[in-house]
Protein backbone atom coordinates (compact mmCIF):
# COMPACT_ATOMS: atom_id res chain seq x y z
CA MET A 1 -39.13 35.14 -99.75
CA THR A 2 -39.71 37.21 -102.84
CA THR A 3 -43.08 37.96 -104.36
CA MET A 4 -42.16 35.76 -107.28
CA ASP A 5 -41.72 32.75 -104.97
CA SER A 6 -45.15 33.29 -103.40
CA ASP A 7 -46.76 33.44 -106.85
CA LEU A 8 -45.45 29.96 -107.62
CA ARG A 9 -47.24 28.30 -104.71
CA ARG A 10 -50.35 26.43 -105.66
CA PRO A 11 -53.35 26.50 -103.39
CA ARG A 12 -53.99 23.26 -101.54
CA ILE A 13 -56.95 21.45 -103.08
CA LEU A 14 -59.04 19.40 -100.66
CA ARG A 15 -61.69 16.77 -101.21
CA PRO A 16 -65.03 17.02 -99.42
CA THR A 17 -65.56 14.23 -96.91
CA GLY A 18 -69.28 14.67 -96.21
CA ARG A 19 -72.27 13.65 -98.27
CA ILE A 20 -73.48 17.27 -98.66
CA PHE A 21 -71.20 20.15 -99.68
CA THR A 22 -72.21 23.80 -99.99
CA GLY A 23 -70.00 26.37 -101.66
CA ARG A 24 -69.36 28.49 -104.73
CA VAL A 25 -68.27 27.16 -108.10
CA VAL A 26 -64.79 28.43 -108.91
CA ARG A 27 -64.05 26.69 -112.17
CA PHE A 28 -64.91 23.78 -114.44
CA MET A 29 -61.67 22.07 -115.43
CA ASP A 30 -61.14 20.46 -118.84
CA GLY A 31 -63.17 17.28 -119.15
CA TYR A 32 -61.86 13.90 -120.20
CA THR A 33 -63.39 10.50 -120.87
CA ARG A 34 -63.29 7.53 -118.52
CA GLU A 35 -64.32 3.99 -119.35
CA MET A 36 -66.95 2.30 -117.22
CA ARG A 37 -66.30 -1.32 -116.24
CA VAL A 38 -68.84 -3.96 -117.22
CA ALA A 39 -69.14 -6.89 -114.83
CA GLN A 40 -68.54 -10.09 -116.78
CA PRO A 41 -71.33 -12.14 -115.07
CA ILE A 42 -73.92 -9.54 -116.11
CA LEU A 43 -72.61 -9.52 -119.67
CA VAL A 44 -72.55 -13.33 -119.88
CA ALA A 45 -76.13 -13.59 -118.61
CA VAL A 46 -77.47 -10.95 -121.02
CA VAL A 47 -75.60 -12.25 -124.08
CA THR A 48 -76.54 -15.88 -123.33
CA ALA A 49 -80.22 -15.04 -122.90
CA ALA A 50 -80.15 -12.94 -126.09
CA GLY A 51 -78.41 -15.82 -127.88
CA VAL A 52 -81.41 -18.07 -127.24
CA VAL A 53 -83.65 -15.65 -129.15
CA GLN A 54 -81.08 -15.22 -131.92
CA LEU A 55 -80.87 -18.99 -132.26
CA LEU A 56 -84.67 -19.27 -132.46
CA THR A 57 -84.79 -16.44 -135.01
CA LEU A 58 -82.14 -18.16 -137.12
CA LEU A 59 -84.10 -21.42 -136.91
CA VAL A 60 -87.33 -19.72 -138.01
CA ARG A 61 -85.55 -17.99 -140.91
CA THR A 62 -84.02 -21.27 -142.00
CA VAL A 63 -87.37 -23.05 -141.88
CA LEU A 64 -89.13 -20.28 -143.78
CA LYS A 65 -86.10 -19.84 -146.06
CA ALA A 66 -86.15 -16.12 -145.42
CA ALA A 67 -83.38 -14.13 -147.00
CA GLY A 68 -81.24 -11.74 -145.03
CA GLY A 69 -78.75 -11.92 -142.24
CA ALA A 70 -79.13 -11.44 -138.53
CA GLY A 71 -77.99 -7.83 -138.74
CA ALA A 72 -74.90 -6.17 -137.39
CA ARG A 73 -74.04 -7.45 -133.93
CA ARG A 74 -71.54 -5.90 -131.60
CA LYS A 75 -68.62 -8.10 -130.69
CA TRP A 76 -67.96 -9.46 -127.19
CA LYS A 77 -64.86 -7.28 -126.92
CA ASP A 78 -66.89 -4.13 -127.65
CA LEU A 79 -69.59 -5.06 -125.14
CA LYS A 80 -67.05 -5.92 -122.43
CA LYS A 81 -65.16 -2.67 -122.95
CA GLY A 82 -67.98 -0.63 -121.48
CA PRO A 83 -69.20 2.86 -122.27
CA GLU A 84 -67.02 5.93 -122.03
CA PHE A 85 -68.42 8.91 -120.20
CA LEU A 86 -67.36 12.50 -119.72
CA VAL A 87 -65.66 13.39 -116.43
CA THR A 88 -65.34 17.08 -115.59
CA PRO A 89 -63.36 18.07 -112.49
CA VAL A 90 -65.08 20.96 -110.70
CA ARG A 91 -63.32 23.34 -108.31
CA LEU A 92 -65.38 24.84 -105.47
CA ARG A 93 -64.72 27.19 -102.58
CA ASP A 94 -66.43 26.86 -99.21
CA THR A 95 -67.39 29.72 -96.86
CA ASP A 96 -63.95 29.51 -95.17
CA GLY A 97 -62.18 30.09 -98.48
CA GLN A 98 -60.84 26.53 -98.80
CA LEU A 99 -60.55 25.13 -102.34
CA TYR A 100 -62.17 21.72 -103.04
CA GLU A 101 -62.39 19.43 -106.06
CA VAL A 102 -65.18 17.04 -107.06
CA GLU A 103 -66.06 15.24 -110.30
CA LEU A 104 -69.08 15.69 -112.53
CA HIS A 105 -69.87 12.53 -114.50
CA GLY A 106 -71.89 12.79 -117.69
CA HIS A 107 -73.28 15.87 -119.35
CA LEU A 108 -74.97 18.91 -117.87
CA ALA A 109 -76.50 21.82 -119.77
CA GLN A 110 -73.97 24.66 -120.13
CA SER A 111 -76.46 27.18 -118.81
CA ALA A 112 -77.18 25.12 -115.66
CA VAL A 113 -74.20 26.14 -113.51
CA HIS A 114 -71.70 28.97 -113.93
CA PRO A 115 -68.55 29.95 -112.04
CA GLY A 116 -69.61 32.05 -109.06
CA ASP A 117 -72.91 30.22 -108.55
CA HIS A 118 -73.74 29.19 -104.99
CA VAL A 119 -74.44 25.44 -105.04
CA GLN A 120 -75.30 22.60 -102.71
CA LEU A 121 -73.98 19.24 -103.92
CA THR A 122 -74.94 15.73 -102.96
CA LEU A 123 -71.76 13.67 -103.30
CA ARG A 124 -70.89 9.98 -103.51
CA ASP A 125 -67.53 8.41 -102.75
CA GLN A 126 -66.12 6.55 -105.77
CA GLY A 127 -64.42 3.83 -103.74
CA ASP A 128 -60.99 4.79 -105.05
CA PRO A 129 -58.84 6.93 -102.73
CA ASP A 130 -57.18 8.57 -105.76
CA LEU A 131 -60.48 9.94 -107.07
CA PRO A 132 -62.45 12.85 -105.62
CA PRO A 133 -66.14 12.26 -104.84
CA ARG A 134 -68.59 12.49 -107.72
CA ILE A 135 -71.64 14.70 -107.90
CA GLU A 136 -74.99 12.92 -107.70
CA ARG A 137 -77.23 16.01 -107.51
CA ILE A 138 -76.75 19.75 -107.74
CA VAL A 139 -78.98 22.35 -106.20
CA ASN A 140 -78.04 25.67 -107.78
CA ILE A 141 -79.02 28.07 -105.01
CA THR A 142 -78.30 31.07 -107.24
CA THR A 143 -80.88 30.04 -109.88
CA THR A 144 -83.00 27.70 -107.69
CA GLN A 145 -82.50 24.79 -110.13
CA TRP A 146 -82.26 21.11 -109.16
CA LEU A 147 -79.95 19.23 -111.52
CA THR A 148 -78.99 15.57 -111.85
CA PRO A 149 -76.09 14.62 -114.14
CA ARG A 150 -76.79 11.46 -116.12
CA PRO A 151 -73.75 9.38 -117.05
CA PRO A 152 -74.30 6.27 -119.17
CA THR A 153 -75.01 2.99 -117.42
CA VAL A 154 -74.16 -0.60 -118.25
CA TRP A 155 -77.77 -1.06 -119.36
CA SER A 156 -77.70 1.92 -121.74
CA HIS A 157 -74.39 0.60 -123.10
CA LEU A 158 -75.83 -2.83 -123.85
CA GLY A 159 -78.81 -1.17 -125.54
CA PRO A 160 -82.54 -1.84 -125.75
CA PRO A 161 -82.35 -4.37 -128.64
CA LEU A 162 -79.92 -6.67 -126.81
CA LEU A 163 -81.80 -6.31 -123.51
CA LEU A 164 -85.13 -7.04 -125.22
CA GLN A 165 -83.63 -10.15 -126.83
CA ALA A 166 -82.27 -11.20 -123.43
CA ALA A 167 -85.70 -10.74 -121.80
CA LEU A 168 -87.33 -12.82 -124.55
CA GLY A 169 -84.61 -15.44 -124.15
CA VAL A 170 -85.29 -15.69 -120.43
CA LEU A 171 -89.03 -16.07 -121.15
CA VAL A 172 -88.34 -18.85 -123.67
CA VAL A 173 -86.04 -20.74 -121.27
CA VAL A 174 -88.49 -20.36 -118.35
CA SER A 175 -91.38 -21.49 -120.58
CA LEU A 176 -89.42 -24.56 -121.67
CA LEU A 177 -88.53 -25.40 -118.06
CA VAL A 178 -92.16 -25.08 -116.98
CA LEU A 179 -93.23 -27.25 -119.92
CA VAL A 180 -90.66 -29.92 -119.03
CA ILE A 181 -91.65 -29.90 -115.33
CA VAL A 182 -95.40 -30.04 -116.06
CA VAL A 183 -95.12 -32.81 -118.66
């Protein structure tokens, strides 16, 4: 075998199997976006409950003959699509020199972790055998920092206005049910 042939071999990249992994950061790979799935029952419940409040608001505006529309609403298709979040593959090396890959979801301050830093990661399996585990928490032993990446959630995607409307809608429906049962 020539030296040129040995240069072409790629190191074998493993995936950690335990919940805790300790090693050194080798490299942050180029990030890409991944879409989060939104469960349809959750979306139906939130949009239906919010619709009750929108209907009441429309009724009040009609009665008071208030001018103005209901505002810009996101379409069902946009809500169902789910949020996109940044996925950054991270390469690490353990004390035995083995190369591992995990995923960092969401954003992390650039100054938080650098290649060469000694880190302890808390990992979570993603449920898909094709995907490496994702990082839940990072303890940067080099700088003694505790870090938690924050990817978007279904609730942050739906947004406070829609969730507030849904909560008010649930209160209205429950109040009406109590009124009907009592009377």
